[in-house]
Structure formats: structure tokens, C-alpha cells
Amino acid sequence: MNRRNFLRMAAGSAATLANGLGWSRNMRAQSIGQGEVVEISLGAFYPIGRWYFDPIGLHIQPGQRVRWSGRKWGGSVTAFHPSHDNHELRIPEGARPFDSGILIEGDNPRARFEWVFEEEGTYDYYSRRQERLGAVGRIVVGSPGGPGEEPIGYGESAGRALTYPDVREVFSWLSSEKIVEQGVIPYPMERFGKTFPAQESHF
């Protein structure tokens, strides 16, 4: 590969990362068709030590299907629900709690998970093994509403699992109003990325 092609590829990679790891910041909800399957990826960016869902925020309509793919081995797509590790309820009360199990990497059925969202409201979810690193996301179906609109950590007083600081930080920034307004919110690596010492292993 000559120098010109290398520089072109490097510039393209940097632009992709700056635009939310592949999602355009100008993409809005109206560009998502009612019958379209919406894609979310779960991956890790090791140089700044972060696991993430991209996009991190999504606005869809009832009956729409979402597909997650595991770009790195070991993640999951798990709804905030008392049946999942005693987490506080952060999905609509009448909705079924979803859990993908551990996703693997590559071209394999176990690398993907799909879910059809029937109930209107706010859905918060996390990755079991990477939750403490802030690997969470939010989907608003129709209009925001339900327990997901409660302050993060509200269930701790009732004996639910404690909320990690990075999770609080993400959800404090990721408001449902912002999701509905923008439609799709790419993962903001420049905001939540953290650099770890090279000698430490966090993954």
C-alpha cells in the first residue's frame, strides 16, 4: 500500500470514529422506516478503555424490531429488570424483560440478538459483564414513560442492586427527550472514553 492510500484509509477511519463509530450525527428518527430492522452494535475500543452500544440512544415505534450484534466477545443485551441480577425496573411494567445471553464475535447466530418492542415507553438495558464500565443503552418506543423515567438508582432504597457510577453518568446525560428529538444518538466516545495505564488490563 502506498503512502497516499494509507493516509486516505487513516482519514476515513478517524472520520468514522468521530461520527459516532459509523452512525451519522445527522440521522434522525424519520429516516427509520416502520418495518425496518434497526441495528445496534456492542463493541470495545481498547485504546481508551471502553465497552459501548452504538447507537447508545434510539427512538422507534411500537412493533419495530431491533437487532444487536456482538463486535467483541463476551457482551450481552439485558433489560433492567428485577429478574436480571436484582436490577431495578427500567422498562415498561407490562413489557417482557429481554436477555440475549452472552454474545460471541463473528458470523454466527450467537453473535446477534433481535427483539420486537411492542409496549410503548422507555427501555434501559445493559451488558452483564461490562455494566460497571458504562455499557448501557436506552430505547424510547413511541413516547417516553414508565419506570425508565425514574431517577437512576431509585430502586436501591427497596433493596435492588446498586448502580455503578459510570452507569449513572451515562444515563444522566442520555435523556429520553434528547433521544426523541434526535432519533438516533451515536455513542459519544469523546465524552465517555477513558484512557487506562498501558500496564493495566481492564478487559
C-alpha atoms as a PDB file:
ATOM      1  CA  MET A   1       0.000   0.000   0.000  1.00  0.00           C
ATOM      2  CA  ASN A   2       1.429   3.380  -0.971  1.00  0.00           C
ATOM      3  CA  ARG A   3       1.511   6.371   1.350  1.00  0.00           C
ATOM      4  CA  ARG A   4      -1.391   8.156  -0.362  1.00  0.00           C
ATOM      5  CA  ASN A   5      -3.758   5.190   0.051  1.00  0.00           C
ATOM      6  CA  PHE A   6      -2.653   4.666   3.649  1.00  0.00           C
ATOM      7  CA  LEU A   7      -3.393   8.289   4.535  1.00  0.00           C
ATOM      8  CA  ARG A   8      -6.775   8.079   2.819  1.00  0.00           C
ATOM      9  CA  MET A   9      -7.702   4.968   4.831  1.00  0.00           C
ATOM     10  CA  ALA A  10      -6.485   6.522   8.087  1.00  0.00           C
ATOM     11  CA  ALA A  11      -8.519   9.656   7.479  1.00  0.00           C
ATOM     12  CA  GLY A  12     -11.602   7.564   6.759  1.00  0.00           C
ATOM     13  CA  SER A  13     -11.186   5.597   9.982  1.00  0.00           C
ATOM     14  CA  ALA A  14     -10.809   8.773  12.021  1.00  0.00           C
ATOM     15  CA  ALA A  15     -13.926  10.249  10.440  1.00  0.00           C
ATOM     16  CA  THR A  16     -15.915   7.116  11.229  1.00  0.00           C
ATOM     17  CA  LEU A  17     -14.905   7.250  14.894  1.00  0.00           C
ATOM     18  CA  ALA A  18     -15.647  10.958  15.116  1.00  0.00           C
ATOM     19  CA  ASN A  19     -19.135  10.367  13.697  1.00  0.00           C
ATOM     20  CA  GLY A  20     -20.146   8.003  16.443  1.00  0.00           C
ATOM     21  CA  LEU A  21     -18.385   4.836  15.244  1.00  0.00           C
ATOM     22  CA  GLY A  22     -20.317   4.632  11.993  1.00  0.00           C
ATOM     23  CA  TRP A  23     -23.627   6.383  12.735  1.00  0.00           C
ATOM     24  CA  SER A  24     -24.205   9.809  11.186  1.00  0.00           C
ATOM     25  CA  ARG A  25     -24.955  12.521  13.720  1.00  0.00           C
ATOM     26  CA  ASN A  26     -27.479  13.926  11.231  1.00  0.00           C
ATOM     27  CA  MET A  27     -29.502  10.706  11.136  1.00  0.00           C
ATOM     28  CA  ARG A  28     -32.965  11.254  12.599  1.00  0.00           C
ATOM     29  CA  ALA A  29     -35.939   9.086  13.551  1.00  0.00           C
ATOM     30  CA  GLN A  30     -37.863   9.857  10.380  1.00  0.00           C
ATOM     31  CA  SER A  31     -35.164   8.098   8.348  1.00  0.00           C
ATOM     32  CA  ILE A  32     -36.015   4.803  10.076  1.00  0.00           C
ATOM     33  CA  GLY A  33     -38.873   3.074   8.278  1.00  0.00           C
ATOM     34  CA  GLN A  34     -41.655   1.463  10.299  1.00  0.00           C
ATOM     35  CA  GLY A  35     -40.793  -2.037   9.058  1.00  0.00           C
ATOM     36  CA  GLU A  36     -37.037  -1.552   9.068  1.00  0.00           C
ATOM     37  CA  VAL A  37     -34.814  -3.598  11.381  1.00  0.00           C
ATOM     38  CA  VAL A  38     -32.615  -1.172  13.312  1.00  0.00           C
ATOM     39  CA  GLU A  39     -29.043  -2.258  14.023  1.00  0.00           C
ATOM     40  CA  ILE A  40     -27.092  -1.661  17.251  1.00  0.00           C
ATOM     41  CA  SER A  41     -23.555  -2.931  17.794  1.00  0.00           C
ATOM     42  CA  LEU A  42     -21.780  -3.854  21.013  1.00  0.00           C
ATOM     43  CA  GLY A  43     -18.051  -3.389  20.899  1.00  0.00           C
ATOM     44  CA  ALA A  44     -14.947  -2.243  22.717  1.00  0.00           C
ATOM     45  CA  PHE A  45     -12.377   0.425  21.921  1.00  0.00           C
ATOM     46  CA  TYR A  46      -9.298  -0.643  23.815  1.00  0.00           C
ATOM     47  CA  PRO A  47      -7.026   2.427  23.453  1.00  0.00           C
ATOM     48  CA  ILE A  48      -9.403   4.437  25.642  1.00  0.00           C
ATOM     49  CA  GLY A  49     -10.793   1.513  27.603  1.00  0.00           C
ATOM     50  CA  ARG A  50     -14.488   1.483  26.816  1.00  0.00           C
ATOM     51  CA  TRP A  51     -17.254  -1.004  26.042  1.00  0.00           C
ATOM     52  CA  TYR A  52     -20.252   0.615  24.370  1.00  0.00           C
ATOM     53  CA  PHE A  53     -23.527   0.218  22.496  1.00  0.00           C
ATOM     54  CA  ASP A  54     -23.687   2.190  19.263  1.00  0.00           C
ATOM     55  CA  PRO A  55     -26.028   3.915  18.850  1.00  0.00           C
ATOM     56  CA  ILE A  56     -26.494   4.414  22.577  1.00  0.00           C
ATOM     57  CA  GLY A  57     -29.928   6.041  22.208  1.00  0.00           C
ATOM     58  CA  LEU A  58     -32.688   5.131  19.765  1.00  0.00           C
ATOM     59  CA  HIS A  59     -36.270   6.253  19.090  1.00  0.00           C
ATOM     60  CA  ILE A  60     -38.556   3.714  17.391  1.00  0.00           C
ATOM     61  CA  GLN A  61     -42.272   2.943  17.119  1.00  0.00           C
ATOM     62  CA  PRO A  62     -44.257   0.073  18.695  1.00  0.00           C
ATOM     63  CA  GLY A  63     -43.879  -3.154  16.746  1.00  0.00           C
ATOM     64  CA  GLN A  64     -40.420  -2.298  15.461  1.00  0.00           C
ATOM     65  CA  ARG A  65     -37.568  -4.809  15.560  1.00  0.00           C
ATOM     66  CA  VAL A  66     -34.053  -4.062  16.823  1.00  0.00           C
ATOM     67  CA  ARG A  67     -31.019  -6.247  16.137  1.00  0.00           C
ATOM     68  CA  TRP A  68     -27.844  -6.156  18.235  1.00  0.00           C
ATOM     69  CA  SER A  69     -24.582  -7.638  17.030  1.00  0.00           C
ATOM     70  CA  GLY A  70     -21.569  -8.530  19.139  1.00  0.00           C
ATOM     71  CA  ARG A  71     -18.430  -6.974  17.704  1.00  0.00           C
ATOM     72  CA  LYS A  72     -16.478  -8.211  20.714  1.00  0.00           C
ATOM     73  CA  TRP A  73     -16.934 -11.487  22.570  1.00  0.00           C
ATOM     74  CA  GLY A  74     -18.494 -11.532  25.989  1.00  0.00           C
ATOM     75  CA  GLY A  75     -21.234  -8.898  25.958  1.00  0.00           C
ATOM     76  CA  SER A  76     -24.985  -9.231  26.435  1.00  0.00           C
ATOM     77  CA  VAL A  77     -28.177  -7.260  25.849  1.00  0.00           C
ATOM     78  CA  THR A  78     -30.101  -7.393  29.132  1.00  0.00           C
ATOM     79  CA  ALA A  79     -33.099  -5.332  30.247  1.00  0.00           C
ATOM     80  CA  PHE A  80     -33.039  -3.564  33.597  1.00  0.00           C
ATOM     81  CA  HIS A  81     -35.463  -5.818  35.488  1.00  0.00           C
ATOM     82  CA  PRO A  82     -35.603  -7.394  38.986  1.00  0.00           C
ATOM     83  CA  SER A  83     -35.374 -10.866  37.431  1.00  0.00           C
ATOM     84  CA  HIS A  84     -31.981  -9.912  35.989  1.00  0.00           C
ATOM     85  CA  ASP A  85     -29.446  -9.775  38.819  1.00  0.00           C
ATOM     86  CA  ASN A  86     -31.940  -7.912  41.052  1.00  0.00           C
ATOM     87  CA  HIS A  87     -31.732  -4.739  38.949  1.00  0.00           C
ATOM     88  CA  GLU A  88     -34.312  -2.021  39.404  1.00  0.00           C
ATOM     89  CA  LEU A  89     -37.153  -1.986  36.878  1.00  0.00           C
ATOM     90  CA  ARG A  90     -36.355   0.371  33.983  1.00  0.00           C
ATOM     91  CA  ILE A  91     -38.672  -0.937  31.252  1.00  0.00           C
ATOM     92  CA  PRO A  92     -42.479  -0.541  30.969  1.00  0.00           C
ATOM     93  CA  GLU A  93     -44.289  -2.570  33.620  1.00  0.00           C
ATOM     94  CA  GLY A  94     -46.234  -4.623  31.085  1.00  0.00           C
ATOM     95  CA  ALA A  95     -43.244  -5.377  28.849  1.00  0.00           C
ATOM     96  CA  ARG A  96     -41.401  -8.701  28.754  1.00  0.00           C
ATOM     97  CA  PRO A  97     -37.796  -8.439  30.026  1.00  0.00           C
ATOM     98  CA  PHE A  98     -35.281  -9.391  27.347  1.00  0.00           C
ATOM     99  CA  ASP A  99     -31.876 -11.012  27.790  1.00  0.00           C
ATOM    100  CA  SER A 100     -29.667 -12.192  24.945  1.00  0.00           C
ATOM    101  CA  GLY A 101     -27.266 -14.290  26.963  1.00  0.00           C
ATOM    102  CA  ILE A 102     -23.588 -13.887  26.104  1.00  0.00           C
ATOM    103  CA  LEU A 103     -22.998 -12.784  22.521  1.00  0.00           C
ATOM    104  CA  ILE A 104     -19.965 -14.032  20.647  1.00  0.00           C
ATOM    105  CA  GLU A 105     -17.943 -12.379  17.904  1.00  0.00           C
ATOM    106  CA  GLY A 106     -18.092 -13.194  14.225  1.00  0.00           C
ATOM    107  CA  ASP A 107     -20.515 -14.586  11.628  1.00  0.00           C
ATOM    108  CA  ASN A 108     -22.539 -16.790  13.948  1.00  0.00           C
ATOM    109  CA  PRO A 109     -26.200 -16.798  15.090  1.00  0.00           C
ATOM    110  CA  ARG A 110     -24.987 -16.382  18.671  1.00  0.00           C
ATOM    111  CA  ALA A 111     -23.336 -13.105  17.668  1.00  0.00           C
ATOM    112  CA  ARG A 112     -26.757 -11.494  17.124  1.00  0.00           C
ATOM    113  CA  PHE A 113     -29.894 -10.840  19.153  1.00  0.00           C
ATOM    114  CA  GLU A 114     -33.241  -9.457  17.982  1.00  0.00           C
ATOM    115  CA  TRP A 115     -36.233  -8.105  19.876  1.00  0.00           C
ATOM    116  CA  VAL A 116     -39.577  -6.645  18.806  1.00  0.00           C
ATOM    117  CA  PHE A 117     -40.709  -3.794  21.056  1.00  0.00           C
ATOM    118  CA  GLU A 118     -44.489  -3.900  21.448  1.00  0.00           C
ATOM    119  CA  GLU A 119     -45.139  -1.776  24.533  1.00  0.00           C
ATOM    120  CA  GLU A 120     -44.722   1.984  24.355  1.00  0.00           C
ATOM    121  CA  GLY A 121     -42.329   3.600  26.818  1.00  0.00           C
ATOM    122  CA  THR A 122     -38.688   3.815  27.894  1.00  0.00           C
ATOM    123  CA  TYR A 123     -36.389   0.779  27.886  1.00  0.00           C
ATOM    124  CA  ASP A 124     -32.975   0.788  29.567  1.00  0.00           C
ATOM    125  CA  TYR A 125     -30.607  -2.143  29.111  1.00  0.00           C
ATOM    126  CA  TYR A 126     -27.036  -3.164  29.914  1.00  0.00           C
ATOM    127  CA  SER A 127     -24.291  -5.671  29.148  1.00  0.00           C
ATOM    128  CA  ARG A 128     -23.894  -8.074  32.081  1.00  0.00           C
ATOM    129  CA  ARG A 129     -20.102  -8.315  32.104  1.00  0.00           C
ATOM    130  CA  GLN A 130     -19.382  -4.707  31.145  1.00  0.00           C
ATOM    131  CA  GLU A 131     -22.085  -2.794  33.019  1.00  0.00           C
ATOM    132  CA  ARG A 132     -19.591  -1.401  35.522  1.00  0.00           C
ATOM    133  CA  LEU A 133     -17.736   0.154  32.561  1.00  0.00           C
ATOM    134  CA  GLY A 134     -20.844   2.014  31.449  1.00  0.00           C
ATOM    135  CA  ALA A 135     -22.070  -0.405  28.750  1.00  0.00           C
ATOM    136  CA  VAL A 136     -25.736   0.634  28.806  1.00  0.00           C
ATOM    137  CA  GLY A 137     -28.260   1.936  26.311  1.00  0.00           C
ATOM    138  CA  ARG A 138     -31.760   3.362  26.054  1.00  0.00           C
ATOM    139  CA  ILE A 139     -34.569   2.839  23.556  1.00  0.00           C
ATOM    140  CA  VAL A 140     -37.687   5.004  23.553  1.00  0.00           C
ATOM    141  CA  VAL A 141     -40.667   3.304  21.913  1.00  0.00           C
ATOM    142  CA  GLY A 142     -43.253   5.866  20.846  1.00  0.00           C
ATOM    143  CA  SER A 143     -43.409   8.276  23.781  1.00  0.00           C
ATOM    144  CA  PRO A 144     -41.164   8.152  26.885  1.00  0.00           C
ATOM    145  CA  GLY A 145     -42.732   6.715  30.003  1.00  0.00           C
ATOM    146  CA  GLY A 146     -42.703   4.075  32.713  1.00  0.00           C
ATOM    147  CA  PRO A 147     -40.101   3.193  35.367  1.00  0.00           C
ATOM    148  CA  GLY A 148     -37.265   4.040  32.975  1.00  0.00           C
ATOM    149  CA  GLU A 149     -38.084   7.696  33.536  1.00  0.00           C
ATOM    150  CA  GLU A 150     -37.435   7.403  37.270  1.00  0.00           C
ATOM    151  CA  PRO A 151     -34.083   8.766  38.515  1.00  0.00           C
ATOM    152  CA  ILE A 152     -31.348   6.174  38.043  1.00  0.00           C
ATOM    153  CA  GLY A 153     -30.799   4.306  41.292  1.00  0.00           C
ATOM    154  CA  TYR A 154     -34.335   4.824  42.598  1.00  0.00           C
ATOM    155  CA  GLY A 155     -34.656   1.108  43.384  1.00  0.00           C
ATOM    156  CA  GLU A 156     -31.688   0.952  45.755  1.00  0.00           C
ATOM    157  CA  SER A 157     -33.839   2.024  48.698  1.00  0.00           C
ATOM    158  CA  ALA A 158     -36.045  -1.012  48.026  1.00  0.00           C
ATOM    159  CA  GLY A 159     -33.084  -3.382  48.076  1.00  0.00           C
ATOM    160  CA  ARG A 160     -32.310  -3.527  44.364  1.00  0.00           C
ATOM    161  CA  ALA A 161     -28.755  -3.810  43.040  1.00  0.00           C
ATOM    162  CA  LEU A 162     -26.517  -0.780  43.458  1.00  0.00           C
ATOM    163  CA  THR A 163     -25.946   1.360  40.380  1.00  0.00           C
ATOM    164  CA  TYR A 164     -22.382   1.764  39.092  1.00  0.00           C
ATOM    165  CA  PRO A 165     -21.012   5.341  38.847  1.00  0.00           C
ATOM    166  CA  ASP A 166     -20.375   5.035  35.098  1.00  0.00           C
ATOM    167  CA  VAL A 167     -23.987   3.948  34.567  1.00  0.00           C
ATOM    168  CA  ARG A 168     -25.228   6.972  36.493  1.00  0.00           C
ATOM    169  CA  GLU A 169     -23.002   9.209  34.397  1.00  0.00           C
ATOM    170  CA  VAL A 170     -24.306   7.847  31.104  1.00  0.00           C
ATOM    171  CA  PHE A 171     -27.999   7.989  31.993  1.00  0.00           C
ATOM    172  CA  SER A 172     -27.632  11.479  33.468  1.00  0.00           C
ATOM    173  CA  TRP A 173     -26.517  12.588  30.004  1.00  0.00           C
ATOM    174  CA  LEU A 174     -28.779  10.333  27.902  1.00  0.00           C
ATOM    175  CA  SER A 175     -32.222  11.865  28.366  1.00  0.00           C
ATOM    176  CA  SER A 176     -35.315  10.491  26.654  1.00  0.00           C
ATOM    177  CA  GLU A 177     -36.157  13.969  25.393  1.00  0.00           C
ATOM    178  CA  LYS A 178     -32.811  14.088  23.592  1.00  0.00           C
ATOM    179  CA  ILE A 179     -33.451  10.666  22.061  1.00  0.00           C
ATOM    180  CA  VAL A 180     -36.909  11.613  20.763  1.00  0.00           C
ATOM    181  CA  GLU A 181     -35.592  14.904  19.379  1.00  0.00           C
ATOM    182  CA  GLN A 182     -32.577  13.410  17.585  1.00  0.00           C
ATOM    183  CA  GLY A 183     -33.950   9.963  16.735  1.00  0.00           C
ATOM    184  CA  VAL A 184     -30.565   8.257  16.826  1.00  0.00           C
ATOM    185  CA  ILE A 185     -27.762   9.140  19.252  1.00  0.00           C
ATOM    186  CA  PRO A 186     -24.329   7.713  18.375  1.00  0.00           C
ATOM    187  CA  TYR A 187     -22.069   6.672  21.222  1.00  0.00           C
ATOM    188  CA  PRO A 188     -20.127   9.827  22.284  1.00  0.00           C
ATOM    189  CA  MET A 189     -16.654   8.339  22.590  1.00  0.00           C
ATOM    190  CA  GLU A 190     -15.093  11.759  23.110  1.00  0.00           C
ATOM    191  CA  ARG A 191     -17.263  12.252  26.211  1.00  0.00           C
ATOM    192  CA  PHE A 192     -17.158   8.868  27.932  1.00  0.00           C
ATOM    193  CA  GLY A 193     -13.884   7.373  26.688  1.00  0.00           C
ATOM    194  CA  LYS A 194     -11.244   6.923  29.368  1.00  0.00           C
ATOM    195  CA  THR A 195      -7.554   6.217  28.970  1.00  0.00           C
ATOM    196  CA  PHE A 196      -6.163   3.498  31.230  1.00  0.00           C
ATOM    197  CA  PRO A 197      -2.483   2.912  32.064  1.00  0.00           C
ATOM    198  CA  ALA A 198      -0.924   0.593  29.499  1.00  0.00           C
ATOM    199  CA  GLN A 199       0.196  -1.924  32.114  1.00  0.00           C
ATOM    200  CA  GLU A 200      -3.317  -2.464  33.456  1.00  0.00           C
ATOM    201  CA  SER A 201      -5.816  -4.870  31.925  1.00  0.00           C
ATOM    202  CA  HIS A 202      -9.490  -3.982  32.261  1.00  0.00           C
ATOM    203  CA  PHE A 203     -10.912  -6.405  29.698  1.00  0.00           C
END
